[in-house]
Amino acid sequence: HRQAISASTVDKRARWGILLQFVAFTLLW
């Protein structure tokens, strides 16, 4: 991530997936 270059096209709808993945990992504990 430190080496990543800026994006020209971003689709923020994938953040819903990130949220569900986060909840899934939280549920494990």
PDB file of all heavy atoms in Angstrom:
ATOM      1  N   HIS A   1       0.828  -1.213   0.000  1.00  0.00           N
ATOM      2  CA  HIS A   1       0.000   0.000   0.000  1.00  0.00           C
ATOM      3  C   HIS A   1       0.861   1.261   0.000  1.00  0.00           C
ATOM      4  O   HIS A   1       0.489   2.270  -0.601  1.00  0.00           O
ATOM      5  CB  HIS A   1      -0.942  -0.005   1.199  1.00  0.00           C
ATOM      6  CG  HIS A   1      -1.885   1.141   1.205  1.00  0.00           C
ATOM      7  ND1 HIS A   1      -2.900   1.267   0.271  1.00  0.00           N
ATOM      8  CD2 HIS A   1      -1.962   2.227   1.992  1.00  0.00           C
ATOM      9  CE1 HIS A   1      -3.561   2.387   0.504  1.00  0.00           C
ATOM     10  NE2 HIS A   1      -3.014   2.986   1.542  1.00  0.00           N
ATOM     11  N   ARG A   2       2.012   1.206   0.617  1.00  0.00           N
ATOM     12  CA  ARG A   2       2.923   2.362   0.634  1.00  0.00           C
ATOM     13  C   ARG A   2       3.431   2.706  -0.759  1.00  0.00           C
ATOM     14  O   ARG A   2       3.780   3.833  -1.041  1.00  0.00           O
ATOM     15  CB  ARG A   2       4.118   2.080   1.537  1.00  0.00           C
ATOM     16  CG  ARG A   2       3.795   2.093   2.985  1.00  0.00           C
ATOM     17  CD  ARG A   2       5.065   1.964   3.778  1.00  0.00           C
ATOM     18  NE  ARG A   2       4.751   1.538   5.126  1.00  0.00           N
ATOM     19  CZ  ARG A   2       5.583   0.905   5.912  1.00  0.00           C
ATOM     20  NH1 ARG A   2       6.795   0.608   5.488  1.00  0.00           N
ATOM     21  NH2 ARG A   2       5.224   0.567   7.108  1.00  0.00           N
ATOM     22  N   GLN A   3       3.499   1.702  -1.626  1.00  0.00           N
ATOM     23  CA  GLN A   3       4.024   1.899  -2.975  1.00  0.00           C
ATOM     24  C   GLN A   3       2.921   2.172  -3.995  1.00  0.00           C
ATOM     25  O   GLN A   3       3.204   2.436  -5.155  1.00  0.00           O
ATOM     26  CB  GLN A   3       4.796   0.653  -3.402  1.00  0.00           C
ATOM     27  CG  GLN A   3       5.944   0.325  -2.504  1.00  0.00           C
ATOM     28  CD  GLN A   3       6.497  -1.066  -2.769  1.00  0.00           C
ATOM     29  OE1 GLN A   3       6.022  -1.778  -3.643  1.00  0.00           O
ATOM     30  NE2 GLN A   3       7.507  -1.455  -2.009  1.00  0.00           N
ATOM     31  N   ALA A   4       1.667   2.077  -3.567  1.00  0.00           N
ATOM     32  CA  ALA A   4       0.541   2.217  -4.503  1.00  0.00           C
ATOM     33  C   ALA A   4       0.506   3.610  -5.107  1.00  0.00           C
ATOM     34  O   ALA A   4       0.821   4.602  -4.458  1.00  0.00           O
ATOM     35  CB  ALA A   4      -0.770   1.923  -3.788  1.00  0.00           C
ATOM     36  N   ILE A   5       0.113   3.645  -6.358  1.00  0.00           N
ATOM     37  CA  ILE A   5      -0.039   4.910  -7.051  1.00  0.00           C
ATOM     38  C   ILE A   5      -1.518   5.268  -7.072  1.00  0.00           C
ATOM     39  O   ILE A   5      -2.382   4.416  -6.891  1.00  0.00           O
ATOM     40  CB  ILE A   5       0.545   4.825  -8.479  1.00  0.00           C
ATOM     41  CG1 ILE A   5       0.066   3.567  -9.161  1.00  0.00           C
ATOM     42  CG2 ILE A   5       2.046   4.861  -8.437  1.00  0.00           C
ATOM     43  CD1 ILE A   5       0.624   3.359 -10.534  1.00  0.00           C
ATOM     44  N   SER A   6      -1.812   6.527  -7.271  1.00  0.00           N
ATOM     45  CA  SER A   6      -3.194   6.976  -7.172  1.00  0.00           C
ATOM     46  C   SER A   6      -4.066   6.359  -8.266  1.00  0.00           C
ATOM     47  O   SER A   6      -3.601   6.040  -9.355  1.00  0.00           O
ATOM     48  CB  SER A   6      -3.273   8.500  -7.228  1.00  0.00           C
ATOM     49  OG  SER A   6      -2.764   8.956  -8.461  1.00  0.00           O
ATOM     50  N   ALA A   7      -5.333   6.225  -7.903  1.00  0.00           N
ATOM     51  CA  ALA A   7      -6.298   5.615  -8.820  1.00  0.00           C
ATOM     52  C   ALA A   7      -6.997   6.687  -9.636  1.00  0.00           C
ATOM     53  O   ALA A   7      -7.265   7.781  -9.153  1.00  0.00           O
ATOM     54  CB  ALA A   7      -7.322   4.824  -8.027  1.00  0.00           C
ATOM     55  N   SER A   8      -7.310   6.346 -10.879  1.00  0.00           N
ATOM     56  CA  SER A   8      -8.066   7.260 -11.735  1.00  0.00           C
ATOM     57  C   SER A   8      -9.543   6.862 -11.777  1.00  0.00           C
ATOM     58  O   SER A   8     -10.399   7.691 -12.056  1.00  0.00           O
ATOM     59  CB  SER A   8      -7.478   7.273 -13.145  1.00  0.00           C
ATOM     60  OG  SER A   8      -7.471   5.967 -13.681  1.00  0.00           O
ATOM     61  N   THR A   9      -9.823   5.589 -11.508  1.00  0.00           N
ATOM     62  CA  THR A   9     -11.192   5.079 -11.501  1.00  0.00           C
ATOM     63  C   THR A   9     -11.411   4.333 -10.203  1.00  0.00           C
ATOM     64  O   THR A   9     -10.669   3.404  -9.888  1.00  0.00           O
ATOM     65  CB  THR A   9     -11.419   4.106 -12.685  1.00  0.00           C
ATOM     66  OG1 THR A   9     -11.042   4.756 -13.894  1.00  0.00           O
ATOM     67  CG2 THR A   9     -12.853   3.661 -12.756  1.00  0.00           C
ATOM     68  N   VAL A  10     -12.430   4.741  -9.436  1.00  0.00           N
ATOM     69  CA  VAL A  10     -12.740   4.105  -8.159  1.00  0.00           C
ATOM     70  C   VAL A  10     -14.228   3.796  -8.120  1.00  0.00           C
ATOM     71  O   VAL A  10     -15.054   4.626  -8.491  1.00  0.00           O
ATOM     72  CB  VAL A  10     -12.374   5.033  -6.966  1.00  0.00           C
ATOM     73  CG1 VAL A  10     -12.738   4.380  -5.638  1.00  0.00           C
ATOM     74  CG2 VAL A  10     -10.904   5.403  -6.989  1.00  0.00           C
ATOM     75  N   ASP A  11     -14.559   2.587  -7.672  1.00  0.00           N
ATOM     76  CA  ASP A  11     -15.958   2.217  -7.467  1.00  0.00           C
ATOM     77  C   ASP A  11     -16.137   1.925  -5.983  1.00  0.00           C
ATOM     78  O   ASP A  11     -15.720   0.880  -5.486  1.00  0.00           O
ATOM     79  CB  ASP A  11     -16.324   0.984  -8.309  1.00  0.00           C
ATOM     80  CG  ASP A  11     -17.812   0.724  -8.322  1.00  0.00           C
ATOM     81  OD1 ASP A  11     -18.507   1.132  -7.361  1.00  0.00           O
ATOM     82  OD2 ASP A  11     -18.296   0.103  -9.277  1.00  0.00           O
ATOM     83  N   LYS A  12     -16.748   2.856  -5.285  1.00  0.00           N
ATOM     84  CA  LYS A  12     -16.880   2.765  -3.830  1.00  0.00           C
ATOM     85  C   LYS A  12     -17.931   1.757  -3.376  1.00  0.00           C
ATOM     86  O   LYS A  12     -18.038   1.469  -2.195  1.00  0.00           O
ATOM     87  CB  LYS A  12     -17.175   4.143  -3.255  1.00  0.00           C
ATOM     88  CG  LYS A  12     -15.997   5.086  -3.435  1.00  0.00           C
ATOM     89  CD  LYS A  12     -16.261   6.433  -2.828  1.00  0.00           C
ATOM     90  CE  LYS A  12     -15.052   7.329  -3.046  1.00  0.00           C
ATOM     91  NZ  LYS A  12     -15.221   8.640  -2.473  1.00  0.00           N
ATOM     92  N   ARG A  13     -18.684   1.182  -4.300  1.00  0.00           N
ATOM     93  CA  ARG A  13     -19.676   0.170  -3.909  1.00  0.00           C
ATOM     94  C   ARG A  13     -19.021  -1.056  -3.296  1.00  0.00           C
ATOM     95  O   ARG A  13     -19.635  -1.765  -2.511  1.00  0.00           O
ATOM     96  CB  ARG A  13     -20.527  -0.226  -5.116  1.00  0.00           C
ATOM     97  CG  ARG A  13     -21.439   0.901  -5.576  1.00  0.00           C
ATOM     98  CD  ARG A  13     -22.196   0.500  -6.791  1.00  0.00           C
ATOM     99  NE  ARG A  13     -21.243   0.402  -7.915  1.00  0.00           N
ATOM    100  CZ  ARG A  13     -21.587   0.164  -9.156  1.00  0.00           C
ATOM    101  NH1 ARG A  13     -22.848  -0.040  -9.470  1.00  0.00           N
ATOM    102  NH2 ARG A  13     -20.690   0.113 -10.109  1.00  0.00           N
ATOM    103  N   ALA A  14     -17.764  -1.306  -3.614  1.00  0.00           N
ATOM    104  CA  ALA A  14     -17.053  -2.453  -3.046  1.00  0.00           C
ATOM    105  C   ALA A  14     -16.852  -2.304  -1.544  1.00  0.00           C
ATOM    106  O   ALA A  14     -16.580  -3.280  -0.854  1.00  0.00           O
ATOM    107  CB  ALA A  14     -15.714  -2.637  -3.741  1.00  0.00           C
ATOM    108  N   ARG A  15     -17.008  -1.104  -1.022  1.00  0.00           N
ATOM    109  CA  ARG A  15     -16.852  -0.885   0.424  1.00  0.00           C
ATOM    110  C   ARG A  15     -17.907  -1.640   1.225  1.00  0.00           C
ATOM    111  O   ARG A  15     -17.670  -1.987   2.381  1.00  0.00           O
ATOM    112  CB  ARG A  15     -16.891   0.605   0.745  1.00  0.00           C
ATOM    113  CG  ARG A  15     -15.658   1.304   0.227  1.00  0.00           C
ATOM    114  CD  ARG A  15     -15.657   2.772   0.541  1.00  0.00           C
ATOM    115  NE  ARG A  15     -14.458   3.386   0.007  1.00  0.00           N
ATOM    116  CZ  ARG A  15     -14.206   4.668   0.091  1.00  0.00           C
ATOM    117  NH1 ARG A  15     -15.058   5.486   0.694  1.00  0.00           N
ATOM    118  NH2 ARG A  15     -13.095   5.168  -0.414  1.00  0.00           N
ATOM    119  N   TRP A  16     -19.057  -1.904   0.637  1.00  0.00           N
ATOM    120  CA  TRP A  16     -20.068  -2.735   1.314  1.00  0.00           C
ATOM    121  C   TRP A  16     -19.521  -4.141   1.521  1.00  0.00           C
ATOM    122  O   TRP A  16     -19.752  -4.772   2.555  1.00  0.00           O
ATOM    123  CB  TRP A  16     -21.376  -2.765   0.539  1.00  0.00           C
ATOM    124  CG  TRP A  16     -22.092  -1.464   0.591  1.00  0.00           C
ATOM    125  CD1 TRP A  16     -22.200  -0.546  -0.417  1.00  0.00           C
ATOM    126  CD2 TRP A  16     -22.760  -0.902   1.714  1.00  0.00           C
ATOM    127  NE1 TRP A  16     -22.906   0.553   0.016  1.00  0.00           N
ATOM    128  CE2 TRP A  16     -23.264   0.358   1.328  1.00  0.00           C
ATOM    129  CE3 TRP A  16     -22.975  -1.339   3.021  1.00  0.00           C
ATOM    130  CZ2 TRP A  16     -23.981   1.175   2.199  1.00  0.00           C
ATOM    131  CZ3 TRP A  16     -23.691  -0.512   3.886  1.00  0.00           C
ATOM    132  CH2 TRP A  16     -24.177   0.725   3.479  1.00  0.00           C
ATOM    133  N   GLY A  17     -18.800  -4.627   0.560  1.00  0.00           N
ATOM    134  CA  GLY A  17     -18.162  -5.937   0.690  1.00  0.00           C
ATOM    135  C   GLY A  17     -17.107  -5.935   1.774  1.00  0.00           C
ATOM    136  O   GLY A  17     -16.996  -6.885   2.554  1.00  0.00           O
ATOM    137  N   ILE A  18     -16.319  -4.865   1.831  1.00  0.00           N
ATOM    138  CA  ILE A  18     -15.298  -4.736   2.874  1.00  0.00           C
ATOM    139  C   ILE A  18     -15.956  -4.755   4.247  1.00  0.00           C
ATOM    140  O   ILE A  18     -15.482  -5.425   5.165  1.00  0.00           O
ATOM    141  CB  ILE A  18     -14.472  -3.443   2.679  1.00  0.00           C
ATOM    142  CG1 ILE A  18     -13.665  -3.508   1.391  1.00  0.00           C
ATOM    143  CG2 ILE A  18     -13.561  -3.191   3.875  1.00  0.00           C
ATOM    144  CD1 ILE A  18     -13.036  -2.187   0.982  1.00  0.00           C
ATOM    145  N   LEU A  19     -17.061  -4.041   4.387  1.00  0.00           N
ATOM    146  CA  LEU A  19     -17.787  -4.011   5.660  1.00  0.00           C
ATOM    147  C   LEU A  19     -18.259  -5.404   6.057  1.00  0.00           C
ATOM    148  O   LEU A  19     -18.086  -5.827   7.205  1.00  0.00           O
ATOM    149  CB  LEU A  19     -18.974  -3.046   5.577  1.00  0.00           C
ATOM    150  CG  LEU A  19     -19.858  -2.980   6.822  1.00  0.00           C
ATOM    151  CD1 LEU A  19     -19.070  -2.452   8.016  1.00  0.00           C
ATOM    152  CD2 LEU A  19     -21.082  -2.127   6.552  1.00  0.00           C
ATOM    153  N   LEU A  20     -18.836  -6.146   5.122  1.00  0.00           N
ATOM    154  CA  LEU A  20     -19.301  -7.499   5.432  1.00  0.00           C
ATOM    155  C   LEU A  20     -18.136  -8.428   5.772  1.00  0.00           C
ATOM    156  O   LEU A  20     -18.246  -9.271   6.674  1.00  0.00           O
ATOM    157  CB  LEU A  20     -20.116  -8.070   4.274  1.00  0.00           C
ATOM    158  CG  LEU A  20     -21.504  -7.457   4.095  1.00  0.00           C
ATOM    159  CD1 LEU A  20     -22.159  -7.981   2.824  1.00  0.00           C
ATOM    160  CD2 LEU A  20     -22.376  -7.742   5.299  1.00  0.00           C
ATOM    161  N   GLN A  21     -17.024  -8.287   5.078  1.00  0.00           N
ATOM    162  CA  GLN A  21     -15.851  -9.095   5.402  1.00  0.00           C
ATOM    163  C   GLN A  21     -15.340  -8.757   6.812  1.00  0.00           C
ATOM    164  O   GLN A  21     -14.973  -9.656   7.573  1.00  0.00           O
ATOM    165  CB  GLN A  21     -14.743  -8.878   4.375  1.00  0.00           C
ATOM    166  CG  GLN A  21     -15.032  -9.507   3.038  1.00  0.00           C
ATOM    167  CD  GLN A  21     -13.997  -9.129   1.994  1.00  0.00           C
ATOM    168  OE1 GLN A  21     -13.445  -8.031   1.997  1.00  0.00           O
ATOM    169  NE2 GLN A  21     -13.732 -10.060   1.084  1.00  0.00           N
ATOM    170  N   PHE A  22     -15.345  -7.490   7.157  1.00  0.00           N
ATOM    171  CA  PHE A  22     -14.925  -7.068   8.499  1.00  0.00           C
ATOM    172  C   PHE A  22     -15.840  -7.666   9.563  1.00  0.00           C
ATOM    173  O   PHE A  22     -15.368  -8.197  10.573  1.00  0.00           O
ATOM    174  CB  PHE A  22     -14.907  -5.536   8.589  1.00  0.00           C
ATOM    175  CG  PHE A  22     -14.575  -5.040   9.965  1.00  0.00           C
ATOM    176  CD1 PHE A  22     -13.257  -5.041  10.407  1.00  0.00           C
ATOM    177  CD2 PHE A  22     -15.569  -4.580  10.813  1.00  0.00           C
ATOM    178  CE1 PHE A  22     -12.948  -4.591  11.688  1.00  0.00           C
ATOM    179  CE2 PHE A  22     -15.261  -4.133  12.087  1.00  0.00           C
ATOM    180  CZ  PHE A  22     -13.942  -4.134  12.525  1.00  0.00           C
ATOM    181  N   VAL A  23     -17.140  -7.598   9.335  1.00  0.00           N
ATOM    182  CA  VAL A  23     -18.099  -8.183  10.282  1.00  0.00           C
ATOM    183  C   VAL A  23     -17.862  -9.691  10.396  1.00  0.00           C
ATOM    184  O   VAL A  23     -17.907 -10.256  11.493  1.00  0.00           O
ATOM    185  CB  VAL A  23     -19.554  -7.871   9.872  1.00  0.00           C
ATOM    186  CG1 VAL A  23     -20.554  -8.646  10.718  1.00  0.00           C
ATOM    187  CG2 VAL A  23     -19.822  -6.371   9.975  1.00  0.00           C
ATOM    188  N   ALA A  24     -17.592 -10.343   9.281  1.00  0.00           N
ATOM    189  CA  ALA A  24     -17.330 -11.788   9.292  1.00  0.00           C
ATOM    190  C   ALA A  24     -16.128 -12.116  10.169  1.00  0.00           C
ATOM    191  O   ALA A  24     -16.181 -13.045  10.987  1.00  0.00           O
ATOM    192  CB  ALA A  24     -17.111 -12.297   7.869  1.00  0.00           C
ATOM    193  N   PHE A  25     -15.044 -11.363  10.027  1.00  0.00           N
ATOM    194  CA  PHE A  25     -13.862 -11.616  10.845  1.00  0.00           C
ATOM    195  C   PHE A  25     -14.120 -11.282  12.317  1.00  0.00           C
ATOM    196  O   PHE A  25     -13.623 -11.976  13.203  1.00  0.00           O
ATOM    197  CB  PHE A  25     -12.647 -10.842  10.313  1.00  0.00           C
ATOM    198  CG  PHE A  25     -11.897 -11.588   9.260  1.00  0.00           C
ATOM    199  CD1 PHE A  25     -12.182 -11.395   7.918  1.00  0.00           C
ATOM    200  CD2 PHE A  25     -10.914 -12.502   9.594  1.00  0.00           C
ATOM    201  CE1 PHE A  25     -11.497 -12.086   6.934  1.00  0.00           C
ATOM    202  CE2 PHE A  25     -10.216 -13.202   8.620  1.00  0.00           C
ATOM    203  CZ  PHE A  25     -10.516 -12.995   7.283  1.00  0.00           C
ATOM    204  N   THR A  26     -14.901 -10.252  12.576  1.00  0.00           N
ATOM    205  CA  THR A  26     -15.246  -9.898  13.948  1.00  0.00           C
ATOM    206  C   THR A  26     -16.062 -11.004  14.599  1.00  0.00           C
ATOM    207  O   THR A  26     -15.865 -11.330  15.775  1.00  0.00           O
ATOM    208  CB  THR A  26     -16.027  -8.565  13.964  1.00  0.00           C
ATOM    209  OG1 THR A  26     -15.226  -7.558  13.343  1.00  0.00           O
ATOM    210  CG2 THR A  26     -16.357  -8.136  15.372  1.00  0.00           C
ATOM    211  N   LEU A  27     -16.947 -11.589  13.857  1.00  0.00           N
ATOM    212  CA  LEU A  27     -17.808 -12.658  14.367  1.00  0.00           C
ATOM    213  C   LEU A  27     -17.000 -13.876  14.823  1.00  0.00           C
ATOM    214  O   LEU A  27     -17.398 -14.584  15.746  1.00  0.00           O
ATOM    215  CB  LEU A  27     -18.814 -13.046  13.283  1.00  0.00           C
ATOM    216  CG  LEU A  27     -20.011 -13.879  13.677  1.00  0.00           C
ATOM    217  CD1 LEU A  27     -20.818 -13.204  14.779  1.00  0.00           C
ATOM    218  CD2 LEU A  27     -20.894 -14.127  12.464  1.00  0.00           C
ATOM    219  N   LEU A  28     -15.868 -14.113  14.203  1.00  0.00           N
ATOM    220  CA  LEU A  28     -15.028 -15.253  14.586  1.00  0.00           C
ATOM    221  C   LEU A  28     -14.635 -15.224  16.061  1.00  0.00           C
ATOM    222  O   LEU A  28     -14.453 -16.257  16.691  1.00  0.00           O
ATOM    223  CB  LEU A  28     -13.745 -15.285  13.751  1.00  0.00           C
ATOM    224  CG  LEU A  28     -13.849 -15.605  12.276  1.00  0.00           C
ATOM    225  CD1 LEU A  28     -12.479 -15.468  11.619  1.00  0.00           C
ATOM    226  CD2 LEU A  28     -14.418 -16.982  12.050  1.00  0.00           C
ATOM    227  N   TRP A  29     -14.502 -14.030  16.611  1.00  0.00           N
ATOM    228  CA  TRP A  29     -13.971 -13.853  17.963  1.00  0.00           C
ATOM    229  C   TRP A  29     -15.072 -13.756  19.026  1.00  0.00           C
ATOM    230  O   TRP A  29     -14.779 -13.459  20.181  1.00  0.00           O
ATOM    231  CB  TRP A  29     -13.106 -12.600  18.010  1.00  0.00           C
ATOM    232  CG  TRP A  29     -11.941 -12.689  17.081  1.00  0.00           C
ATOM    233  CD1 TRP A  29     -11.881 -12.256  15.783  1.00  0.00           C
ATOM    234  CD2 TRP A  29     -10.686 -13.282  17.354  1.00  0.00           C
ATOM    235  NE1 TRP A  29     -10.657 -12.541  15.250  1.00  0.00           N
ATOM    236  CE2 TRP A  29      -9.893 -13.173  16.191  1.00  0.00           C
ATOM    237  CE3 TRP A  29     -10.127 -13.904  18.484  1.00  0.00           C
ATOM    238  CZ2 TRP A  29      -8.595 -13.649  16.110  1.00  0.00           C
ATOM    239  CZ3 TRP A  29      -8.833 -14.367  18.397  1.00  0.00           C
ATOM    240  CH2 TRP A  29      -8.082 -14.236  17.237  1.00  0.00           C
TER     241      TRP A  29
END
